Amino acid sequence: MKIVCSPLYESQIKVVLEEMAHENLKSAIDFKLYLDTVLMNAHTKFKKYKQSIYFEKETVKDVEFEGYTIPIFYDEVLDKYIILGVVKK
């Protein structure tokens, strides 16, 4: 099992964190650390997450975190979780 981030997620989270850092740097750092923990452990709760509202496939689930939705795709063949992006609710 492997967890990887898409280039889209990487660029979107960078924008989110930059906006947060302008208001409060410590808040942005704490947000990123906690988000990383949630995403690293998402595979343990993957079946409990709701099917994504952005994709029709059952292998894409939405992780909701502090006002953001993060769709994650599970590739069964490669046994890989792919973090697709981050969308503000």
PDB file of N, CA and C in Angstrom:
ATOM      1  N   MET A   1       0.834  -1.168   0.000  1.00  0.00           N
ATOM      2  CA  MET A   1       0.000   0.000   0.000  1.00  0.00           C
ATOM      3  C   MET A   1       0.887   1.242   0.000  1.00  0.00           C
ATOM      4  N   LYS A   2       0.522   2.171  -0.873  1.00  0.00           N
ATOM      5  CA  LYS A   2       1.294   3.391  -1.019  1.00  0.00           C
ATOM      6  C   LYS A   2       0.320   4.564  -1.138  1.00  0.00           C
ATOM      7  N   ILE A   3       0.686   5.717  -0.597  1.00  0.00           N
ATOM      8  CA  ILE A   3      -0.122   6.922  -0.700  1.00  0.00           C
ATOM      9  C   ILE A   3       0.696   7.959  -1.464  1.00  0.00           C
ATOM     10  N   VAL A   4       0.116   8.493  -2.556  1.00  0.00           N
ATOM     11  CA  VAL A   4       0.813   9.497  -3.357  1.00  0.00           C
ATOM     12  C   VAL A   4      -0.100  10.700  -3.580  1.00  0.00           C
ATOM     13  N   CYS A   5       0.500  11.844  -3.824  1.00  0.00           N
ATOM     14  CA  CYS A   5      -0.238  13.079  -4.087  1.00  0.00           C
ATOM     15  C   CYS A   5      -0.145  13.404  -5.571  1.00  0.00           C
ATOM     16  N   SER A   6      -1.272  13.808  -6.141  1.00  0.00           N
ATOM     17  CA  SER A   6      -1.267  14.228  -7.542  1.00  0.00           C
ATOM     18  C   SER A   6      -0.641  15.623  -7.633  1.00  0.00           C
ATOM     19  N   PRO A   7      -0.137  15.977  -8.815  1.00  0.00           N
ATOM     20  CA  PRO A   7       0.395  17.333  -8.991  1.00  0.00           C
ATOM     21  C   PRO A   7      -0.671  18.409  -8.727  1.00  0.00           C
ATOM     22  N   LEU A   8      -1.923  18.115  -9.051  1.00  0.00           N
ATOM     23  CA  LEU A   8      -3.003  19.068  -8.796  1.00  0.00           C
ATOM     24  C   LEU A   8      -3.153  19.320  -7.298  1.00  0.00           C
ATOM     25  N   TYR A   9      -3.136  18.253  -6.509  1.00  0.00           N
ATOM     26  CA  TYR A   9      -3.228  18.406  -5.056  1.00  0.00           C
ATOM     27  C   TYR A   9      -2.059  19.247  -4.537  1.00  0.00           C
ATOM     28  N   GLU A  10      -0.866  18.952  -5.006  1.00  0.00           N
ATOM     29  CA  GLU A  10       0.328  19.679  -4.551  1.00  0.00           C
ATOM     30  C   GLU A  10       0.194  21.179  -4.817  1.00  0.00           C
ATOM     31  N   SER A  11      -0.298  21.541  -5.989  1.00  0.00           N
ATOM     32  CA  SER A  11      -0.428  22.971  -6.300  1.00  0.00           C
ATOM     33  C   SER A  11      -1.578  23.598  -5.517  1.00  0.00           C
ATOM     34  N   GLN A  12      -2.678  22.878  -5.351  1.00  0.00           N
ATOM     35  CA  GLN A  12      -3.813  23.431  -4.615  1.00  0.00           C
ATOM     36  C   GLN A  12      -3.510  23.601  -3.133  1.00  0.00           C
ATOM     37  N   ILE A  13      -2.843  22.640  -2.520  1.00  0.00           N
ATOM     38  CA  ILE A  13      -2.551  22.745  -1.083  1.00  0.00           C
ATOM     39  C   ILE A  13      -1.533  23.863  -0.834  1.00  0.00           C
ATOM     40  N   LYS A  14      -0.657  24.083  -1.790  1.00  0.00           N
ATOM     41  CA  LYS A  14       0.310  25.172  -1.660  1.00  0.00           C
ATOM     42  C   LYS A  14      -0.419  26.515  -1.586  1.00  0.00           C
ATOM     43  N   VAL A  15      -1.416  26.705  -2.434  1.00  0.00           N
ATOM     44  CA  VAL A  15      -2.196  27.944  -2.436  1.00  0.00           C
ATOM     45  C   VAL A  15      -2.955  28.093  -1.116  1.00  0.00           C
ATOM     46  N   VAL A  16      -3.573  27.012  -0.665  1.00  0.00           N
ATOM     47  CA  VAL A  16      -4.324  27.033   0.599  1.00  0.00           C
ATOM     48  C   VAL A  16      -3.404  27.427   1.753  1.00  0.00           C
ATOM     49  N   LEU A  17      -2.242  26.802   1.813  1.00  0.00           N
ATOM     50  CA  LEU A  17      -1.311  27.079   2.911  1.00  0.00           C
ATOM     51  C   LEU A  17      -0.745  28.497   2.851  1.00  0.00           C
ATOM     52  N   GLU A  18      -0.490  28.996   1.648  1.00  0.00           N
ATOM     53  CA  GLU A  18       0.007  30.367   1.514  1.00  0.00           C
ATOM     54  C   GLU A  18      -1.028  31.368   2.017  1.00  0.00           C
ATOM     55  N   GLU A  19      -2.298  31.125   1.689  1.00  0.00           N
ATOM     56  CA  GLU A  19      -3.369  32.011   2.165  1.00  0.00           C
ATOM     57  C   GLU A  19      -3.464  31.975   3.686  1.00  0.00           C
ATOM     58  N   MET A  20      -3.367  30.781   4.265  1.00  0.00           N
ATOM     59  CA  MET A  20      -3.423  30.643   5.723  1.00  0.00           C
ATOM     60  C   MET A  20      -2.227  31.307   6.386  1.00  0.00           C
ATOM     61  N   ALA A  21      -1.065  31.151   5.789  1.00  0.00           N
ATOM     62  CA  ALA A  21       0.166  31.683   6.374  1.00  0.00           C
ATOM     63  C   ALA A  21       0.145  33.213   6.439  1.00  0.00           C
ATOM     64  N   HIS A  22      -0.540  33.843   5.484  1.00  0.00           N
ATOM     65  CA  HIS A  22      -0.644  35.306   5.521  1.00  0.00           C
ATOM     66  C   HIS A  22      -1.388  35.769   6.761  1.00  0.00           C
ATOM     67  N   GLU A  23      -2.364  34.966   7.212  1.00  0.00           N
ATOM     68  CA  GLU A  23      -3.138  35.315   8.401  1.00  0.00           C
ATOM     69  C   GLU A  23      -2.422  34.883   9.676  1.00  0.00           C
ATOM     70  N   ASN A  24      -1.934  33.629   9.681  1.00  0.00           N
ATOM     71  CA  ASN A  24      -1.312  33.088  10.884  1.00  0.00           C
ATOM     72  C   ASN A  24      -0.424  31.903  10.503  1.00  0.00           C
ATOM     73  N   LEU A  25       0.875  32.085  10.560  1.00  0.00           N
ATOM     74  CA  LEU A  25       1.819  31.048  10.138  1.00  0.00           C
ATOM     75  C   LEU A  25       1.693  29.784  10.983  1.00  0.00           C
ATOM     76  N   LYS A  26       1.577  29.927  12.294  1.00  0.00           N
ATOM     77  CA  LYS A  26       1.472  28.753  13.163  1.00  0.00           C
ATOM     78  C   LYS A  26       0.219  27.949  12.828  1.00  0.00           C
ATOM     79  N   SER A  27      -0.861  28.631  12.550  1.00  0.00           N
ATOM     80  CA  SER A  27      -2.107  27.968  12.172  1.00  0.00           C
ATOM     81  C   SER A  27      -1.917  27.144  10.894  1.00  0.00           C
ATOM     82  N   ALA A  28      -1.233  27.710   9.923  1.00  0.00           N
ATOM     83  CA  ALA A  28      -0.984  27.021   8.651  1.00  0.00           C
ATOM     84  C   ALA A  28      -0.124  25.784   8.872  1.00  0.00           C
ATOM     85  N   ILE A  29       0.897  25.904   9.700  1.00  0.00           N
ATOM     86  CA  ILE A  29       1.781  24.764   9.991  1.00  0.00           C
ATOM     87  C   ILE A  29       1.003  23.653  10.702  1.00  0.00           C
ATOM     88  N   ASP A  30       0.207  24.029  11.702  1.00  0.00           N
ATOM     89  CA  ASP A  30      -0.595  23.049  12.426  1.00  0.00           C
ATOM     90  C   ASP A  30      -1.608  22.365  11.507  1.00  0.00           C
ATOM     91  N   PHE A  31      -2.238  23.144  10.634  1.00  0.00           N
ATOM     92  CA  PHE A  31      -3.196  22.605   9.676  1.00  0.00           C
ATOM     93  C   PHE A  31      -2.539  21.546   8.802  1.00  0.00           C
ATOM     94  N   LYS A  32      -1.364  21.865   8.253  1.00  0.00           N
ATOM     95  CA  LYS A  32      -0.658  20.938   7.349  1.00  0.00           C
ATOM     96  C   LYS A  32      -0.225  19.672   8.080  1.00  0.00           C
ATOM     97  N   LEU A  33       0.287  19.806   9.285  1.00  0.00           N
ATOM     98  CA  LEU A  33       0.720  18.629  10.046  1.00  0.00           C
ATOM     99  C   LEU A  33      -0.452  17.703  10.349  1.00  0.00           C
ATOM    100  N   TYR A  34      -1.560  18.283  10.783  1.00  0.00           N
ATOM    101  CA  TYR A  34      -2.722  17.468  11.108  1.00  0.00           C
ATOM    102  C   TYR A  34      -3.333  16.860   9.848  1.00  0.00           C
ATOM    103  N   LEU A  35      -3.387  17.634   8.763  1.00  0.00           N
ATOM    104  CA  LEU A  35      -3.902  17.119   7.491  1.00  0.00           C
ATOM    105  C   LEU A  35      -3.062  15.947   7.001  1.00  0.00           C
ATOM    106  N   ASP A  36      -1.750  16.075   7.079  1.00  0.00           N
ATOM    107  CA  ASP A  36      -0.872  14.975   6.663  1.00  0.00           C
ATOM    108  C   ASP A  36      -1.147  13.720   7.477  1.00  0.00           C
ATOM    109  N   THR A  37      -1.381  13.867   8.764  1.00  0.00           N
ATOM    110  CA  THR A  37      -1.686  12.722   9.619  1.00  0.00           C
ATOM    111  C   THR A  37      -2.993  12.069   9.194  1.00  0.00           C
ATOM    112  N   VAL A  38      -4.000  12.884   8.943  1.00  0.00           N
ATOM    113  CA  VAL A  38      -5.299  12.359   8.506  1.00  0.00           C
ATOM    114  C   VAL A  38      -5.148  11.604   7.190  1.00  0.00           C
ATOM    115  N   LEU A  39      -4.430  12.190   6.234  1.00  0.00           N
ATOM    116  CA  LEU A  39      -4.284  11.564   4.921  1.00  0.00           C
ATOM    117  C   LEU A  39      -3.424  10.305   4.969  1.00  0.00           C
ATOM    118  N   MET A  40      -2.405  10.294   5.815  1.00  0.00           N
ATOM    119  CA  MET A  40      -1.557   9.102   5.937  1.00  0.00           C
ATOM    120  C   MET A  40      -2.329   7.925   6.528  1.00  0.00           C
ATOM    121  N   ASN A  41      -3.363   8.225   7.307  1.00  0.00           N
ATOM    122  CA  ASN A  41      -4.162   7.173   7.927  1.00  0.00           C
ATOM    123  C   ASN A  41      -5.496   6.948   7.223  1.00  0.00           C
ATOM    124  N   ALA A  42      -5.738   7.633   6.115  1.00  0.00           N
ATOM    125  CA  ALA A  42      -7.011   7.530   5.405  1.00  0.00           C
ATOM    126  C   ALA A  42      -7.296   6.105   4.930  1.00  0.00           C
ATOM    127  N   HIS A  43      -6.251   5.359   4.610  1.00  0.00           N
ATOM    128  CA  HIS A  43      -6.467   4.000   4.118  1.00  0.00           C
ATOM    129  C   HIS A  43      -7.135   3.111   5.171  1.00  0.00           C
ATOM    130  N   THR A  44      -6.952   3.419   6.438  1.00  0.00           N
ATOM    131  CA  THR A  44      -7.551   2.594   7.490  1.00  0.00           C
ATOM    132  C   THR A  44      -9.054   2.826   7.619  1.00  0.00           C
ATOM    133  N   LYS A  45      -9.527   3.984   7.130  1.00  0.00           N
ATOM    134  CA  LYS A  45     -10.951   4.323   7.217  1.00  0.00           C
ATOM    135  C   LYS A  45     -11.576   4.501   5.837  1.00  0.00           C
ATOM    136  N   PHE A  46     -10.883   4.087   4.798  1.00  0.00           N
ATOM    137  CA  PHE A  46     -11.314   4.381   3.432  1.00  0.00           C
ATOM    138  C   PHE A  46     -12.741   3.909   3.163  1.00  0.00           C
ATOM    139  N   LYS A  47     -13.099   2.738   3.613  1.00  0.00           N
ATOM    140  CA  LYS A  47     -14.443   2.196   3.357  1.00  0.00           C
ATOM    141  C   LYS A  47     -15.524   2.984   4.082  1.00  0.00           C
ATOM    142  N   LYS A  48     -15.172   3.688   5.151  1.00  0.00           N
ATOM    143  CA  LYS A  48     -16.144   4.464   5.917  1.00  0.00           C
ATOM    144  C   LYS A  48     -16.429   5.836   5.305  1.00  0.00           C
ATOM    145  N   TYR A  49     -15.505   6.342   4.489  1.00  0.00           N
ATOM    146  CA  TYR A  49     -15.706   7.649   3.883  1.00  0.00           C
ATOM    147  C   TYR A  49     -16.812   7.582   2.831  1.00  0.00           C
ATOM    148  N   LYS A  50     -17.496   8.734   2.633  1.00  0.00           N
ATOM    149  CA  LYS A  50     -18.564   8.822   1.648  1.00  0.00           C
ATOM    150  C   LYS A  50     -17.984   8.829   0.245  1.00  0.00           C
ATOM    151  N   GLN A  51     -18.785   8.292  -0.689  1.00  0.00           N
ATOM    152  CA  GLN A  51     -18.384   8.347  -2.088  1.00  0.00           C
ATOM    153  C   GLN A  51     -18.255   9.801  -2.495  1.00  0.00           C
ATOM    154  N   SER A  52     -17.313  10.096  -3.342  1.00  0.00           N
ATOM    155  CA  SER A  52     -17.030  11.468  -3.750  1.00  0.00           C
ATOM    156  C   SER A  52     -18.219  12.106  -4.463  1.00  0.00           C
ATOM    157  N   ILE A  53     -18.443  13.368  -4.156  1.00  0.00           N
ATOM    158  CA  ILE A  53     -19.477  14.108  -4.858  1.00  0.00           C
ATOM    159  C   ILE A  53     -18.967  14.620  -6.205  1.00  0.00           C
ATOM    160  N   TYR A  54     -17.661  14.523  -6.417  1.00  0.00           N
ATOM    161  CA  TYR A  54     -17.054  15.010  -7.644  1.00  0.00           C
ATOM    162  C   TYR A  54     -16.823  13.921  -8.690  1.00  0.00           C
ATOM    163  N   PHE A  55     -16.858  12.661  -8.261  1.00  0.00           N
ATOM    164  CA  PHE A  55     -16.592  11.540  -9.161  1.00  0.00           C
ATOM    165  C   PHE A  55     -17.655  10.467  -8.967  1.00  0.00           C
ATOM    166  N   GLU A  56     -17.978   9.738 -10.031  1.00  0.00           N
ATOM    167  CA  GLU A  56     -19.007   8.699  -9.948  1.00  0.00           C
ATOM    168  C   GLU A  56     -18.448   7.348  -9.510  1.00  0.00           C
ATOM    169  N   LYS A  57     -17.164   7.158  -9.596  1.00  0.00           N
ATOM    170  CA  LYS A  57     -16.561   5.873  -9.240  1.00  0.00           C
ATOM    171  C   LYS A  57     -16.637   5.631  -7.736  1.00  0.00           C
ATOM    172  N   GLU A  58     -16.912   4.405  -7.362  1.00  0.00           N
ATOM    173  CA  GLU A  58     -16.964   4.046  -5.942  1.00  0.00           C
ATOM    174  C   GLU A  58     -15.576   3.986  -5.312  1.00  0.00           C
ATOM    175  N   THR A  59     -14.559   3.984  -6.141  1.00  0.00           N
ATOM    176  CA  THR A  59     -13.188   3.922  -5.628  1.00  0.00           C
ATOM    177  C   THR A  59     -12.626   5.301  -5.318  1.00  0.00           C
ATOM    178  N   VAL A  60     -13.457   6.334  -5.438  1.00  0.00           N
ATOM    179  CA  VAL A  60     -13.048   7.692  -5.069  1.00  0.00           C
ATOM    180  C   VAL A  60     -13.918   8.128  -3.889  1.00  0.00           C
ATOM    181  N   LYS A  61     -13.270   8.445  -2.790  1.00  0.00           N
ATOM    182  CA  LYS A  61     -13.972   8.859  -1.575  1.00  0.00           C
ATOM    183  C   LYS A  61     -13.537  10.267  -1.204  1.00  0.00           C
ATOM    184  N   ASP A  62     -14.417  10.966  -0.484  1.00  0.00           N
ATOM    185  CA  ASP A  62     -14.108  12.316  -0.023  1.00  0.00           C
ATOM    186  C   ASP A  62     -13.742  12.302   1.454  1.00  0.00           C
ATOM    187  N   VAL A  63     -12.601  12.877   1.756  1.00  0.00           N
ATOM    188  CA  VAL A  63     -12.191  13.093   3.138  1.00  0.00           C
ATOM    189  C   VAL A  63     -12.485  14.562   3.427  1.00  0.00           C
ATOM    190  N   GLU A  64     -13.295  14.806   4.448  1.00  0.00           N
ATOM    191  CA  GLU A  64     -13.616  16.182   4.815  1.00  0.00           C
ATOM    192  C   GLU A  64     -12.762  16.575   6.012  1.00  0.00           C
ATOM    193  N   PHE A  65     -12.141  17.754   5.893  1.00  0.00           N
ATOM    194  CA  PHE A  65     -11.211  18.200   6.922  1.00  0.00           C
ATOM    195  C   PHE A  65     -11.244  19.715   7.037  1.00  0.00           C
ATOM    196  N   GLU A  66     -11.680  20.217   8.170  1.00  0.00           N
ATOM    197  CA  GLU A  66     -11.671  21.648   8.504  1.00  0.00           C
ATOM    198  C   GLU A  66     -12.126  22.552   7.357  1.00  0.00           C
ATOM    199  N   GLY A  67     -13.272  22.224   6.770  1.00  0.00           N
ATOM    200  CA  GLY A  67     -13.836  23.067   5.716  1.00  0.00           C
ATOM    201  C   GLY A  67     -13.329  22.767   4.315  1.00  0.00           C
ATOM    202  N   TYR A  68     -12.565  21.711   4.156  1.00  0.00           N
ATOM    203  CA  TYR A  68     -12.045  21.319   2.854  1.00  0.00           C
ATOM    204  C   TYR A  68     -12.466  19.884   2.540  1.00  0.00           C
ATOM    205  N   THR A  69     -12.628  19.605   1.256  1.00  0.00           N
ATOM    206  CA  THR A  69     -12.919  18.256   0.794  1.00  0.00           C
ATOM    207  C   THR A  69     -11.731  17.779  -0.017  1.00  0.00           C
ATOM    208  N   ILE A  70     -11.237  16.582   0.322  1.00  0.00           N
ATOM    209  CA  ILE A  70     -10.072  16.020  -0.357  1.00  0.00           C
ATOM    210  C   ILE A  70     -10.473  14.678  -0.961  1.00  0.00           C
ATOM    211  N   PRO A  71     -10.665  14.618  -2.296  1.00  0.00           N
ATOM    212  CA  PRO A  71     -10.994  13.341  -2.920  1.00  0.00           C
ATOM    213  C   PRO A  71      -9.752  12.453  -3.019  1.00  0.00           C
ATOM    214  N   ILE A  72      -9.960  11.174  -2.669  1.00  0.00           N
ATOM    215  CA  ILE A  72      -8.875  10.187  -2.714  1.00  0.00           C
ATOM    216  C   ILE A  72      -9.333   8.995  -3.547  1.00  0.00           C
ATOM    217  N   PHE A  73      -8.496   8.580  -4.473  1.00  0.00           N
ATOM    218  CA  PHE A  73      -8.781   7.445  -5.348  1.00  0.00           C
ATOM    219  C   PHE A  73      -7.960   6.252  -4.892  1.00  0.00           C
ATOM    220  N   TYR A  74      -8.619   5.084  -4.848  1.00  0.00           N
ATOM    221  CA  TYR A  74      -7.891   3.860  -4.509  1.00  0.00           C
ATOM    222  C   TYR A  74      -7.762   3.005  -5.758  1.00  0.00           C
ATOM    223  N   ASP A  75      -6.535   2.762  -6.191  1.00  0.00           N
ATOM    224  CA  ASP A  75      -6.239   1.900  -7.326  1.00  0.00           C
ATOM    225  C   ASP A  75      -5.965   0.507  -6.783  1.00  0.00           C
ATOM    226  N   GLU A  76      -6.936  -0.390  -6.944  1.00  0.00           N
ATOM    227  CA  GLU A  76      -6.818  -1.740  -6.388  1.00  0.00           C
ATOM    228  C   GLU A  76      -5.699  -2.546  -7.029  1.00  0.00           C
ATOM    229  N   VAL A  77      -5.502  -2.366  -8.327  1.00  0.00           N
ATOM    230  CA  VAL A  77      -4.476  -3.128  -9.046  1.00  0.00           C
ATOM    231  C   VAL A  77      -3.080  -2.798  -8.523  1.00  0.00           C
ATOM    232  N   LEU A  78      -2.801  -1.516  -8.342  1.00  0.00           N
ATOM    233  CA  LEU A  78      -1.484  -1.086  -7.871  1.00  0.00           C
ATOM    234  C   LEU A  78      -1.407  -0.983  -6.350  1.00  0.00           C
ATOM    235  N   ASP A  79      -2.550  -1.168  -5.677  1.00  0.00           N
ATOM    236  CA  ASP A  79      -2.647  -1.017  -4.223  1.00  0.00           C
ATOM    237  C   ASP A  79      -2.064   0.339  -3.820  1.00  0.00           C
ATOM    238  N   LYS A  80      -2.641   1.391  -4.452  1.00  0.00           N
ATOM    239  CA  LYS A  80      -2.130   2.737  -4.260  1.00  0.00           C
ATOM    240  C   LYS A  80      -3.301   3.694  -4.022  1.00  0.00           C
ATOM    241  N   TYR A  81      -3.139   4.598  -3.053  1.00  0.00           N
ATOM    242  CA  TYR A  81      -4.107   5.652  -2.796  1.00  0.00           C
ATOM    243  C   TYR A  81      -3.543   6.936  -3.390  1.00  0.00           C
ATOM    244  N   ILE A  82      -4.365   7.617  -4.183  1.00  0.00           N
ATOM    245  CA  ILE A  82      -3.916   8.834  -4.843  1.00  0.00           C
ATOM    246  C   ILE A  82      -4.773   9.999  -4.360  1.00  0.00           C
ATOM    247  N   ILE A  83      -4.143  10.996  -3.760  1.00  0.00           N
ATOM    248  CA  ILE A  83      -4.830  12.185  -3.286  1.00  0.00           C
ATOM    249  C   ILE A  83      -4.978  13.106  -4.498  1.00  0.00           C
ATOM    250  N   LEU A  84      -6.232  13.322  -4.916  1.00  0.00           N
ATOM    251  CA  LEU A  84      -6.494  13.989  -6.180  1.00  0.00           C
ATOM    252  C   LEU A  84      -6.475  15.506  -6.120  1.00  0.00           C
ATOM    253  N   GLY A  85      -6.915  16.092  -5.038  1.00  0.00           N
ATOM    254  CA  GLY A  85      -6.982  17.543  -4.961  1.00  0.00           C
ATOM    255  C   GLY A  85      -7.516  17.990  -3.613  1.00  0.00           C
ATOM    256  N   VAL A  86      -7.742  19.280  -3.486  1.00  0.00           N
ATOM    257  CA  VAL A  86      -8.316  19.840  -2.265  1.00  0.00           C
ATOM    258  C   VAL A  86      -9.246  20.981  -2.685  1.00  0.00           C
ATOM    259  N   VAL A  87     -10.501  20.913  -2.199  1.00  0.00           N
ATOM    260  CA  VAL A  87     -11.523  21.882  -2.585  1.00  0.00           C
ATOM    261  C   VAL A  87     -12.129  22.475  -1.325  1.00  0.00           C
ATOM    262  N   LYS A  88     -12.225  23.802  -1.281  1.00  0.00           N
ATOM    263  CA  LYS A  88     -12.862  24.457  -0.146  1.00  0.00           C
ATOM    264  C   LYS A  88     -14.371  24.250  -0.248  1.00  0.00           C
ATOM    265  N   LYS A  89     -14.978  23.893   0.873  1.00  0.00           N
ATOM    266  CA  LYS A  89     -16.429  23.674   0.884  1.00  0.00           C
ATOM    267  C   LYS A  89     -17.179  24.956   0.741  1.00  0.00           C
TER     268      LYS A  89
END
